[in-house]
């Protein structure tokens, strides 16, 4: 009997909470501690982060503003559509022949 009464009370409390406090407000309060200012970092979508990390892993860090696959294969300017992009570091594809930090200028 006590278990049944306890289950009913808990069920009613949960139902009333969702009727009175919308889930978005409840989630905000959980992050902000009910104060309006976050006390912890927001939850980051781990799937989106993995997808972004996978994309970055397929891009050479020598070309930070565009995504060029890492060497090999060896690419030339005629193989890509981007022009006049920033080049830093080792430049494995040799897009910046004059070493001024700009790739595929011509």
PDB file of N, CA and C in Angstrom:
ATOM      1  N   UNK A   1       0.825  -1.191   0.000  1.00  0.00           N
ATOM      2  CA  UNK A   1       0.000   0.000   0.000  1.00  0.00           C
ATOM      3  C   UNK A   1       0.867   1.252   0.000  1.00  0.00           C
ATOM      4  N   UNK A   2       1.930   1.241   0.842  1.00  0.00           N
ATOM      5  CA  UNK A   2       2.805   2.413   0.905  1.00  0.00           C
ATOM      6  C   UNK A   2       3.518   2.632  -0.430  1.00  0.00           C
ATOM      7  N   UNK A   3       3.943   1.524  -1.064  1.00  0.00           N
ATOM      8  CA  UNK A   3       4.606   1.647  -2.368  1.00  0.00           C
ATOM      9  C   UNK A   3       3.665   2.220  -3.403  1.00  0.00           C
ATOM     10  N   UNK A   4       2.455   1.774  -3.421  1.00  0.00           N
ATOM     11  CA  UNK A   4       1.469   2.266  -4.372  1.00  0.00           C
ATOM     12  C   UNK A   4       1.213   3.744  -4.151  1.00  0.00           C
ATOM     13  N   UNK A   5       1.048   4.159  -2.907  1.00  0.00           N
ATOM     14  CA  UNK A   5       0.815   5.566  -2.583  1.00  0.00           C
ATOM     15  C   UNK A   5       2.022   6.402  -2.992  1.00  0.00           C
ATOM     16  N   UNK A   6       3.225   5.904  -2.712  1.00  0.00           N
ATOM     17  CA  UNK A   6       4.448   6.611  -3.072  1.00  0.00           C
ATOM     18  C   UNK A   6       4.544   6.771  -4.596  1.00  0.00           C
ATOM     19  N   UNK A   7       4.241   5.713  -5.347  1.00  0.00           N
ATOM     20  CA  UNK A   7       4.292   5.756  -6.807  1.00  0.00           C
ATOM     21  C   UNK A   7       3.289   6.760  -7.354  1.00  0.00           C
ATOM     22  N   UNK A   8       2.121   6.821  -6.758  1.00  0.00           N
ATOM     23  CA  UNK A   8       1.090   7.769  -7.202  1.00  0.00           C
ATOM     24  C   UNK A   8       1.564   9.202  -6.940  1.00  0.00           C
ATOM     25  N   UNK A   9       2.105   9.447  -5.777  1.00  0.00           N
ATOM     26  CA  UNK A   9       2.570  10.804  -5.439  1.00  0.00           C
ATOM     27  C   UNK A   9       3.694  11.233  -6.382  1.00  0.00           C
ATOM     28  N   UNK A  10       4.641  10.357  -6.617  1.00  0.00           N
ATOM     29  CA  UNK A  10       5.744  10.674  -7.531  1.00  0.00           C
ATOM     30  C   UNK A  10       5.207  10.936  -8.931  1.00  0.00           C
ATOM     31  N   UNK A  11       4.296  10.122  -9.390  1.00  0.00           N
ATOM     32  CA  UNK A  11       3.705  10.305 -10.716  1.00  0.00           C
ATOM     33  C   UNK A  11       2.989  11.637 -10.837  1.00  0.00           C
ATOM     34  N   UNK A  12       2.253  12.010  -9.813  1.00  0.00           N
ATOM     35  CA  UNK A  12       1.541  13.294  -9.821  1.00  0.00           C
ATOM     36  C   UNK A  12       2.537  14.445  -9.828  1.00  0.00           C
ATOM     37  N   UNK A  13       3.578  14.357  -9.019  1.00  0.00           N
ATOM     38  CA  UNK A  13       4.586  15.423  -8.986  1.00  0.00           C
ATOM     39  C   UNK A  13       5.263  15.597 -10.340  1.00  0.00           C
ATOM     40  N   UNK A  14       5.601  14.505 -10.990  1.00  0.00           N
ATOM     41  CA  UNK A  14       6.227  14.577 -12.311  1.00  0.00           C
ATOM     42  C   UNK A  14       5.261  15.201 -13.317  1.00  0.00           C
ATOM     43  N   UNK A  15       4.012  14.767 -13.305  1.00  0.00           N
ATOM     44  CA  UNK A  15       3.022  15.306 -14.233  1.00  0.00           C
ATOM     45  C   UNK A  15       2.812  16.791 -13.997  1.00  0.00           C
ATOM     46  N   UNK A  16       2.705  17.216 -12.751  1.00  0.00           N
ATOM     47  CA  UNK A  16       2.492  18.632 -12.436  1.00  0.00           C
ATOM     48  C   UNK A  16       3.703  19.454 -12.860  1.00  0.00           C
ATOM     49  N   UNK A  17       4.892  18.924 -12.657  1.00  0.00           N
ATOM     50  CA  UNK A  17       6.104  19.648 -13.049  1.00  0.00           C
ATOM     51  C   UNK A  17       6.105  19.920 -14.543  1.00  0.00           C
ATOM     52  N   UNK A  18       5.772  18.947 -15.360  1.00  0.00           N
ATOM     53  CA  UNK A  18       5.777  19.145 -16.801  1.00  0.00           C
ATOM     54  C   UNK A  18       4.611  20.006 -17.267  1.00  0.00           C
ATOM     55  N   UNK A  19       3.537  20.048 -16.522  1.00  0.00           N
ATOM     56  CA  UNK A  19       2.426  20.922 -16.886  1.00  0.00           C
ATOM     57  C   UNK A  19       2.716  22.365 -16.504  1.00  0.00           C
ATOM     58  N   UNK A  20       3.375  22.575 -15.391  1.00  0.00           N
ATOM     59  CA  UNK A  20       3.618  23.925 -14.886  1.00  0.00           C
ATOM     60  C   UNK A  20       4.903  24.511 -15.462  1.00  0.00           C
ATOM     61  N   UNK A  21       5.970  23.715 -15.548  1.00  0.00           N
ATOM     62  CA  UNK A  21       7.260  24.192 -16.027  1.00  0.00           C
ATOM     63  C   UNK A  21       7.543  23.539 -17.374  1.00  0.00           C
ATOM     64  N   UNK A  22       7.537  24.338 -18.456  1.00  0.00           N
ATOM     65  CA  UNK A  22       7.827  23.763 -19.773  1.00  0.00           C
ATOM     66  C   UNK A  22       9.222  23.133 -19.781  1.00  0.00           C
ATOM     67  N   UNK A  23       9.422  22.084 -20.559  1.00  0.00           N
ATOM     68  CA  UNK A  23      10.719  21.405 -20.592  1.00  0.00           C
ATOM     69  C   UNK A  23      11.889  22.331 -20.918  1.00  0.00           C
ATOM     70  N   UNK A  24      11.691  23.326 -21.799  1.00  0.00           N
ATOM     71  CA  UNK A  24      12.791  24.236 -22.144  1.00  0.00           C
ATOM     72  C   UNK A  24      13.226  25.037 -20.928  1.00  0.00           C
ATOM     73  N   UNK A  25      12.278  25.476 -20.119  1.00  0.00           N
ATOM     74  CA  UNK A  25      12.603  26.226 -18.912  1.00  0.00           C
ATOM     75  C   UNK A  25      13.297  25.322 -17.913  1.00  0.00           C
ATOM     76  N   UNK A  26      12.809  24.096 -17.795  1.00  0.00           N
ATOM     77  CA  UNK A  26      13.422  23.150 -16.874  1.00  0.00           C
ATOM     78  C   UNK A  26      14.866  22.872 -17.292  1.00  0.00           C
ATOM     79  N   UNK A  27      15.122  22.740 -18.592  1.00  0.00           N
ATOM     80  CA  UNK A  27      16.479  22.496 -19.073  1.00  0.00           C
ATOM     81  C   UNK A  27      17.366  23.698 -18.812  1.00  0.00           C
ATOM     82  N   UNK A  28      16.848  24.909 -19.039  1.00  0.00           N
ATOM     83  CA  UNK A  28      17.621  26.122 -18.772  1.00  0.00           C
ATOM     84  C   UNK A  28      17.945  26.223 -17.296  1.00  0.00           C
ATOM     85  N   UNK A  29      16.977  25.957 -16.455  1.00  0.00           N
ATOM     86  CA  UNK A  29      17.215  26.004 -15.020  1.00  0.00           C
ATOM     87  C   UNK A  29      18.237  24.960 -14.585  1.00  0.00           C
ATOM     88  N   UNK A  30      18.239  23.812 -15.236  1.00  0.00           N
ATOM     89  CA  UNK A  30      19.209  22.785 -14.887  1.00  0.00           C
ATOM     90  C   UNK A  30      20.629  23.246 -15.196  1.00  0.00           C
ATOM     91  N   UNK A  31      20.784  23.985 -16.302  1.00  0.00           N
ATOM     92  CA  UNK A  31      22.116  24.478 -16.687  1.00  0.00           C
ATOM     93  C   UNK A  31      22.500  25.698 -15.862  1.00  0.00           C
ATOM     94  N   UNK A  32      21.553  26.601 -15.624  1.00  0.00           N
ATOM     95  CA  UNK A  32      21.871  27.865 -14.961  1.00  0.00           C
ATOM     96  C   UNK A  32      21.707  27.814 -13.459  1.00  0.00           C
ATOM     97  N   UNK A  33      21.196  26.743 -12.931  1.00  0.00           N
ATOM     98  CA  UNK A  33      20.946  26.674 -11.496  1.00  0.00           C
ATOM     99  C   UNK A  33      19.772  27.546 -11.090  1.00  0.00           C
ATOM    100  N   UNK A  34      18.920  27.895 -12.059  1.00  0.00           N
ATOM    101  CA  UNK A  34      17.756  28.721 -11.782  1.00  0.00           C
ATOM    102  C   UNK A  34      18.079  30.198 -11.617  1.00  0.00           C
ATOM    103  N   UNK A  35      19.337  30.581 -11.853  1.00  0.00           N
ATOM    104  CA  UNK A  35      19.753  31.964 -11.629  1.00  0.00           C
ATOM    105  C   UNK A  35      19.787  32.794 -12.902  1.00  0.00           C
ATOM    106  N   UNK A  36      19.677  32.167 -14.055  1.00  0.00           N
ATOM    107  CA  UNK A  36      19.702  32.914 -15.301  1.00  0.00           C
ATOM    108  C   UNK A  36      21.095  33.008 -15.906  1.00  0.00           C
ATOM    109  N   UNK A  37      22.133  32.788 -15.122  1.00  0.00           N
ATOM    110  CA  UNK A  37      23.498  32.784 -15.627  1.00  0.00           C
ATOM    111  C   UNK A  37      24.040  31.372 -15.552  1.00  0.00           C
ATOM    112  N   UNK A  38      24.621  30.892 -16.644  1.00  0.00           N
ATOM    113  CA  UNK A  38      25.122  29.522 -16.603  1.00  0.00           C
ATOM    114  C   UNK A  38      26.214  29.348 -15.556  1.00  0.00           C
ATOM    115  N   UNK A  39      26.100  28.281 -14.790  1.00  0.00           N
ATOM    116  CA  UNK A  39      27.128  27.966 -13.806  1.00  0.00           C
ATOM    117  C   UNK A  39      28.018  26.845 -14.313  1.00  0.00           C
ATOM    118  N   UNK A  40      27.581  26.193 -15.394  1.00  0.00           N
ATOM    119  CA  UNK A  40      28.374  25.155 -16.024  1.00  0.00           C
ATOM    120  C   UNK A  40      28.362  25.397 -17.521  1.00  0.00           C
ATOM    121  N   UNK A  41      29.265  24.756 -18.222  1.00  0.00           N
ATOM    122  CA  UNK A  41      29.294  24.883 -19.671  1.00  0.00           C
ATOM    123  C   UNK A  41      28.068  24.206 -20.257  1.00  0.00           C
ATOM    124  N   UNK A  42      27.516  24.758 -21.345  1.00  0.00           N
ATOM    125  CA  UNK A  42      26.373  24.119 -21.978  1.00  0.00           C
ATOM    126  C   UNK A  42      26.772  22.757 -22.549  1.00  0.00           C
ATOM    127  N   UNK A  43      25.784  21.912 -22.691  1.00  0.00           N
ATOM    128  CA  UNK A  43      26.018  20.586 -23.238  1.00  0.00           C
ATOM    129  C   UNK A  43      26.277  20.726 -24.732  1.00  0.00           C
ATOM    130  N   UNK A  44      27.340  20.101 -25.203  1.00  0.00           N
ATOM    131  CA  UNK A  44      27.701  20.163 -26.613  1.00  0.00           C
ATOM    132  C   UNK A  44      27.234  18.884 -27.286  1.00  0.00           C
ATOM    133  N   UNK A  45      26.665  19.045 -28.448  1.00  0.00           N
ATOM    134  CA  UNK A  45      26.209  17.897 -29.214  1.00  0.00           C
ATOM    135  C   UNK A  45      27.442  17.093 -29.637  1.00  0.00           C
ATOM    136  N   UNK A  46      27.660  15.929 -29.014  1.00  0.00           N
ATOM    137  CA  UNK A  46      28.850  15.125 -29.279  1.00  0.00           C
ATOM    138  C   UNK A  46      28.883  14.602 -30.710  1.00  0.00           C
ATOM    139  N   UNK A  47      27.718  14.323 -31.299  1.00  0.00           N
ATOM    140  CA  UNK A  47      27.681  13.848 -32.678  1.00  0.00           C
ATOM    141  C   UNK A  47      28.184  14.921 -33.621  1.00  0.00           C
ATOM    142  N   UNK A  48      27.741  16.156 -33.415  1.00  0.00           N
ATOM    143  CA  UNK A  48      28.199  17.260 -34.255  1.00  0.00           C
ATOM    144  C   UNK A  48      29.691  17.479 -34.072  1.00  0.00           C
ATOM    145  N   UNK A  49      30.175  17.378 -32.838  1.00  0.00           N
ATOM    146  CA  UNK A  49      31.608  17.561 -32.584  1.00  0.00           C
ATOM    147  C   UNK A  49      32.417  16.485 -33.304  1.00  0.00           C
ATOM    148  N   UNK A  50      31.973  15.218 -33.251  1.00  0.00           N
ATOM    149  CA  UNK A  50      32.690  14.141 -33.935  1.00  0.00           C
ATOM    150  C   UNK A  50      32.713  14.375 -35.434  1.00  0.00           C
ATOM    151  N   UNK A  51      31.578  14.812 -35.977  1.00  0.00           N
ATOM    152  CA  UNK A  51      31.488  15.067 -37.410  1.00  0.00           C
ATOM    153  C   UNK A  51      32.468  16.169 -37.803  1.00  0.00           C
ATOM    154  N   UNK A  52      32.522  17.243 -37.004  1.00  0.00           N
ATOM    155  CA  UNK A  52      33.442  18.345 -37.277  1.00  0.00           C
ATOM    156  C   UNK A  52      34.888  17.877 -37.147  1.00  0.00           C
ATOM    157  N   UNK A  53      35.184  17.102 -36.110  1.00  0.00           N
ATOM    158  CA  UNK A  53      36.536  16.580 -35.932  1.00  0.00           C
ATOM    159  C   UNK A  53      36.926  15.675 -37.096  1.00  0.00           C
ATOM    160  N   UNK A  54      35.997  14.859 -37.577  1.00  0.00           N
ATOM    161  CA  UNK A  54      36.287  13.986 -38.720  1.00  0.00           C
ATOM    162  C   UNK A  54      36.561  14.803 -39.969  1.00  0.00           C
ATOM    163  N   UNK A  55      35.797  15.875 -40.171  1.00  0.00           N
ATOM    164  CA  UNK A  55      36.041  16.743 -41.321  1.00  0.00           C
ATOM    165  C   UNK A  55      37.415  17.378 -41.226  1.00  0.00           C
ATOM    166  N   UNK A  56      37.763  17.893 -40.046  1.00  0.00           N
ATOM    167  CA  UNK A  56      39.062  18.524 -39.871  1.00  0.00           C
ATOM    168  C   UNK A  56      40.192  17.517 -40.079  1.00  0.00           C
ATOM    169  N   UNK A  57      39.982  16.272 -39.697  1.00  0.00           N
ATOM    170  CA  UNK A  57      41.005  15.250 -39.883  1.00  0.00           C
ATOM    171  C   UNK A  57      41.254  14.994 -41.366  1.00  0.00           C
ATOM    172  N   UNK A  58      40.281  15.265 -42.202  1.00  0.00           N
ATOM    173  CA  UNK A  58      40.415  15.066 -43.641  1.00  0.00           C
ATOM    174  C   UNK A  58      40.940  16.317 -44.341  1.00  0.00           C
ATOM    175  N   UNK A  59      41.212  17.380 -43.575  1.00  0.00           N
ATOM    176  CA  UNK A  59      41.698  18.642 -44.130  1.00  0.00           C
ATOM    177  C   UNK A  59      43.122  18.895 -43.638  1.00  0.00           C
ATOM    178  N   UNK A  60      43.974  19.359 -44.536  1.00  0.00           N
ATOM    179  CA  UNK A  60      45.353  19.644 -44.162  1.00  0.00           C
ATOM    180  C   UNK A  60      45.408  20.952 -43.376  1.00  0.00           C
ATOM    181  N   UNK A  61      46.073  20.971 -42.215  1.00  0.00           N
ATOM    182  CA  UNK A  61      46.129  22.183 -41.395  1.00  0.00           C
ATOM    183  C   UNK A  61      46.955  23.319 -42.009  1.00  0.00           C
ATOM    184  N   UNK A  62      47.680  23.055 -43.092  1.00  0.00           N
ATOM    185  CA  UNK A  62      48.445  24.118 -43.751  1.00  0.00           C
ATOM    186  C   UNK A  62      47.530  25.109 -44.466  1.00  0.00           C
ATOM    187  N   UNK A  63      46.279  24.712 -44.665  1.00  0.00           N
ATOM    188  CA  UNK A  63      45.309  25.557 -45.379  1.00  0.00           C
ATOM    189  C   UNK A  63      44.098  25.758 -44.473  1.00  0.00           C
ATOM    190  N   UNK A  64      44.198  26.647 -43.474  1.00  0.00           N
ATOM    191  CA  UNK A  64      43.179  26.737 -42.423  1.00  0.00           C
ATOM    192  C   UNK A  64      41.825  27.296 -42.862  1.00  0.00           C
ATOM    193  N   UNK A  65      41.783  28.015 -43.969  1.00  0.00           N
ATOM    194  CA  UNK A  65      40.526  28.653 -44.375  1.00  0.00           C
ATOM    195  C   UNK A  65      39.696  27.830 -45.350  1.00  0.00           C
ATOM    196  N   UNK A  66      40.301  26.786 -45.905  1.00  0.00           N
ATOM    197  CA  UNK A  66      39.593  25.898 -46.833  1.00  0.00           C
ATOM    198  C   UNK A  66      39.952  24.464 -46.474  1.00  0.00           C
ATOM    199  N   UNK A  67      39.228  23.521 -47.027  1.00  0.00           N
ATOM    200  CA  UNK A  67      39.508  22.111 -46.742  1.00  0.00           C
ATOM    201  C   UNK A  67      40.197  21.484 -47.948  1.00  0.00           C
ATOM    202  N   UNK A  68      41.495  21.264 -47.785  1.00  0.00           N
ATOM    203  CA  UNK A  68      42.296  20.576 -48.793  1.00  0.00           C
ATOM    204  C   UNK A  68      42.721  19.249 -48.162  1.00  0.00           C
ATOM    205  N   UNK A  69      42.502  18.126 -48.841  1.00  0.00           N
ATOM    206  CA  UNK A  69      42.909  16.851 -48.256  1.00  0.00           C
ATOM    207  C   UNK A  69      44.423  16.798 -48.062  1.00  0.00           C
ATOM    208  N   UNK A  70      44.864  16.089 -47.042  1.00  0.00           N
ATOM    209  CA  UNK A  70      46.300  15.982 -46.811  1.00  0.00           C
ATOM    210  C   UNK A  70      47.003  15.198 -47.923  1.00  0.00           C
ATOM    211  N   UNK A  71      48.290  15.443 -48.040  1.00  0.00           N
ATOM    212  CA  UNK A  71      49.138  14.744 -49.002  1.00  0.00           C
ATOM    213  C   UNK A  71      49.335  13.315 -48.547  1.00  0.00           C
ATOM    214  N   UNK A  72      49.411  12.295 -49.364  1.00  0.00           N
ATOM    215  CA  UNK A  72      49.068  12.239 -50.772  1.00  0.00           C
ATOM    216  C   UNK A  72      47.560  12.197 -50.988  1.00  0.00           C
ATOM    217  N   UNK A  73      47.056  12.411 -52.129  1.00  0.00           N
ATOM    218  CA  UNK A  73      47.734  12.646 -53.392  1.00  0.00           C
ATOM    219  C   UNK A  73      48.252  14.071 -53.487  1.00  0.00           C
ATOM    220  N   UNK A  74      49.204  14.258 -54.365  1.00  0.00           N
ATOM    221  CA  UNK A  74      49.744  15.588 -54.614  1.00  0.00           C
ATOM    222  C   UNK A  74      48.750  16.349 -55.477  1.00  0.00           C
ATOM    223  N   UNK A  75      48.321  17.508 -55.006  1.00  0.00           N
ATOM    224  CA  UNK A  75      47.368  18.329 -55.748  1.00  0.00           C
ATOM    225  C   UNK A  75      48.069  19.567 -56.282  1.00  0.00           C
ATOM    226  N   UNK A  76      47.554  20.083 -57.370  1.00  0.00           N
ATOM    227  CA  UNK A  76      48.018  21.330 -57.949  1.00  0.00           C
ATOM    228  C   UNK A  76      46.859  22.310 -57.957  1.00  0.00           C
ATOM    229  N   UNK A  77      47.153  23.582 -58.212  1.00  0.00           N
ATOM    230  CA  UNK A  77      46.095  24.598 -58.228  1.00  0.00           C
ATOM    231  C   UNK A  77      45.000  24.259 -59.231  1.00  0.00           C
ATOM    232  N   UNK A  78      45.366  23.636 -60.339  1.00  0.00           N
ATOM    233  CA  UNK A  78      44.350  23.291 -61.344  1.00  0.00           C
ATOM    234  C   UNK A  78      43.385  22.220 -60.830  1.00  0.00           C
ATOM    235  N   UNK A  79      43.788  21.507 -59.754  1.00  0.00           N
ATOM    236  CA  UNK A  79      42.957  20.443 -59.200  1.00  0.00           C
ATOM    237  C   UNK A  79      41.916  20.927 -58.202  1.00  0.00           C
ATOM    238  N   UNK A  80      42.003  22.183 -57.786  1.00  0.00           N
ATOM    239  CA  UNK A  80      41.066  22.724 -56.793  1.00  0.00           C
ATOM    240  C   UNK A  80      40.423  23.994 -57.328  1.00  0.00           C
ATOM    241  N   UNK A  81      39.283  24.354 -56.764  1.00  0.00           N
ATOM    242  CA  UNK A  81      38.568  25.543 -57.249  1.00  0.00           C
ATOM    243  C   UNK A  81      38.923  26.818 -56.486  1.00  0.00           C
ATOM    244  N   UNK A  82      39.498  26.678 -55.281  1.00  0.00           N
ATOM    245  CA  UNK A  82      39.807  27.856 -54.463  1.00  0.00           C
ATOM    246  C   UNK A  82      41.039  28.580 -54.980  1.00  0.00           C
ATOM    247  N   UNK A  83      41.046  29.907 -54.818  1.00  0.00           N
ATOM    248  CA  UNK A  83      42.173  30.746 -55.230  1.00  0.00           C
ATOM    249  C   UNK A  83      42.448  31.758 -54.126  1.00  0.00           C
ATOM    250  N   UNK A  84      43.709  32.156 -54.030  1.00  0.00           N
ATOM    251  CA  UNK A  84      44.167  33.198 -53.108  1.00  0.00           C
ATOM    252  C   UNK A  84      43.732  32.923 -51.667  1.00  0.00           C
ATOM    253  N   UNK A  85      44.115  31.763 -51.158  1.00  0.00           N
ATOM    254  CA  UNK A  85      43.783  31.377 -49.798  1.00  0.00           C
ATOM    255  C   UNK A  85      45.043  31.388 -48.944  1.00  0.00           C
ATOM    256  N   UNK A  86      44.851  31.482 -47.642  1.00  0.00           N
ATOM    257  CA  UNK A  86      45.953  31.551 -46.694  1.00  0.00           C
ATOM    258  C   UNK A  86      46.656  30.199 -46.586  1.00  0.00           C
ATOM    259  N   UNK A  87      47.991  30.252 -46.565  1.00  0.00           N
ATOM    260  CA  UNK A  87      48.815  29.056 -46.423  1.00  0.00           C
ATOM    261  C   UNK A  87      49.745  29.268 -45.230  1.00  0.00           C
ATOM    262  N   UNK A  88      49.744  28.299 -44.297  1.00  0.00           N
ATOM    263  CA  UNK A  88      50.652  28.368 -43.147  1.00  0.00           C
ATOM    264  C   UNK A  88      51.347  27.026 -42.995  1.00  0.00           C
ATOM    265  N   UNK A  89      52.475  27.015 -42.354  1.00  0.00           N
ATOM    266  CA  UNK A  89      53.156  25.750 -42.082  1.00  0.00           C
ATOM    267  C   UNK A  89      53.876  25.184 -43.279  1.00  0.00           C
ATOM    268  N   UNK A  90      53.810  23.870 -43.431  1.00  0.00           N
ATOM    269  CA  UNK A  90      54.668  23.153 -44.374  1.00  0.00           C
ATOM    270  C   UNK A  90      54.247  23.228 -45.846  1.00  0.00           C
ATOM    271  N   UNK A  91      52.994  23.507 -46.156  1.00  0.00           N
ATOM    272  CA  UNK A  91      52.490  23.583 -47.535  1.00  0.00           C
ATOM    273  C   UNK A  91      52.880  22.344 -48.353  1.00  0.00           C
ATOM    274  N   UNK A  92      52.377  21.146 -47.962  1.00  0.00           N
ATOM    275  CA  UNK A  92      52.789  19.916 -48.649  1.00  0.00           C
ATOM    276  C   UNK A  92      52.409  19.863 -50.124  1.00  0.00           C
ATOM    277  N   UNK A  93      51.393  20.594 -50.544  1.00  0.00           N
ATOM    278  CA  UNK A  93      50.981  20.577 -51.950  1.00  0.00           C
ATOM    279  C   UNK A  93      51.706  21.644 -52.772  1.00  0.00           C
ATOM    280  N   UNK A  94      52.479  22.487 -52.106  1.00  0.00           N
ATOM    281  CA  UNK A  94      53.245  23.560 -52.769  1.00  0.00           C
ATOM    282  C   UNK A  94      52.342  24.526 -53.541  1.00  0.00           C
ATOM    283  N   UNK A  95      51.208  24.889 -52.902  1.00  0.00           N
ATOM    284  CA  UNK A  95      50.313  25.881 -53.503  1.00  0.00           C
ATOM    285  C   UNK A  95      50.914  27.289 -53.416  1.00  0.00           C
ATOM    286  N   UNK A  96      51.787  27.517 -52.459  1.00  0.00           N
ATOM    287  CA  UNK A  96      52.390  28.841 -52.236  1.00  0.00           C
ATOM    288  C   UNK A  96      53.853  28.806 -52.684  1.00  0.00           C
ATOM    289  N   UNK A  97      54.062  28.810 -53.974  1.00  0.00           N
ATOM    290  CA  UNK A  97      55.415  28.660 -54.525  1.00  0.00           C
ATOM    291  C   UNK A  97      56.335  29.811 -54.141  1.00  0.00           C
ATOM    292  N   UNK A  98      55.794  31.039 -54.047  1.00  0.00           N
ATOM    293  CA  UNK A  98      56.657  32.182 -53.704  1.00  0.00           C
ATOM    294  C   UNK A  98      56.745  32.426 -52.194  1.00  0.00           C
ATOM    295  N   UNK A  99      56.104  31.595 -51.432  1.00  0.00           N
ATOM    296  CA  UNK A  99      56.158  31.611 -49.961  1.00  0.00           C
ATOM    297  C   UNK A  99      55.737  32.957 -49.342  1.00  0.00           C
ATOM    298  N   UNK A 100      54.715  33.564 -49.913  1.00  0.00           N
ATOM    299  CA  UNK A 100      54.202  34.817 -49.325  1.00  0.00           C
ATOM    300  C   UNK A 100      52.964  34.597 -48.462  1.00  0.00           C
ATOM    301  N   UNK A 101      52.579  33.333 -48.246  1.00  0.00           N
ATOM    302  CA  UNK A 101      51.441  33.022 -47.391  1.00  0.00           C
ATOM    303  C   UNK A 101      50.112  32.967 -48.122  1.00  0.00           C
ATOM    304  N   UNK A 102      50.113  33.115 -49.445  1.00  0.00           N
ATOM    305  CA  UNK A 102      48.893  33.066 -50.255  1.00  0.00           C
ATOM    306  C   UNK A 102      49.032  31.954 -51.281  1.00  0.00           C
ATOM    307  N   UNK A 103      48.067  31.057 -51.300  1.00  0.00           N
ATOM    308  CA  UNK A 103      48.118  29.923 -52.228  1.00  0.00           C
ATOM    309  C   UNK A 103      47.328  30.147 -53.493  1.00  0.00           C
ATOM    310  N   UNK A 104      47.800  29.564 -54.571  1.00  0.00           N
ATOM    311  CA  UNK A 104      47.126  29.599 -55.893  1.00  0.00           C
ATOM    312  C   UNK A 104      46.787  31.030 -56.305  1.00  0.00           C
ATOM    313  N   UNK A 105      47.815  31.852 -56.347  1.00  0.00           N
ATOM    314  CA  UNK A 105      47.593  33.252 -56.737  1.00  0.00           C
ATOM    315  C   UNK A 105      47.376  33.434 -58.240  1.00  0.00           C
ATOM    316  N   UNK A 106      47.956  32.569 -59.036  1.00  0.00           N
ATOM    317  CA  UNK A 106      47.859  32.738 -60.503  1.00  0.00           C
ATOM    318  C   UNK A 106      46.864  31.784 -61.095  1.00  0.00           C
TER     319      UNK A 106
END
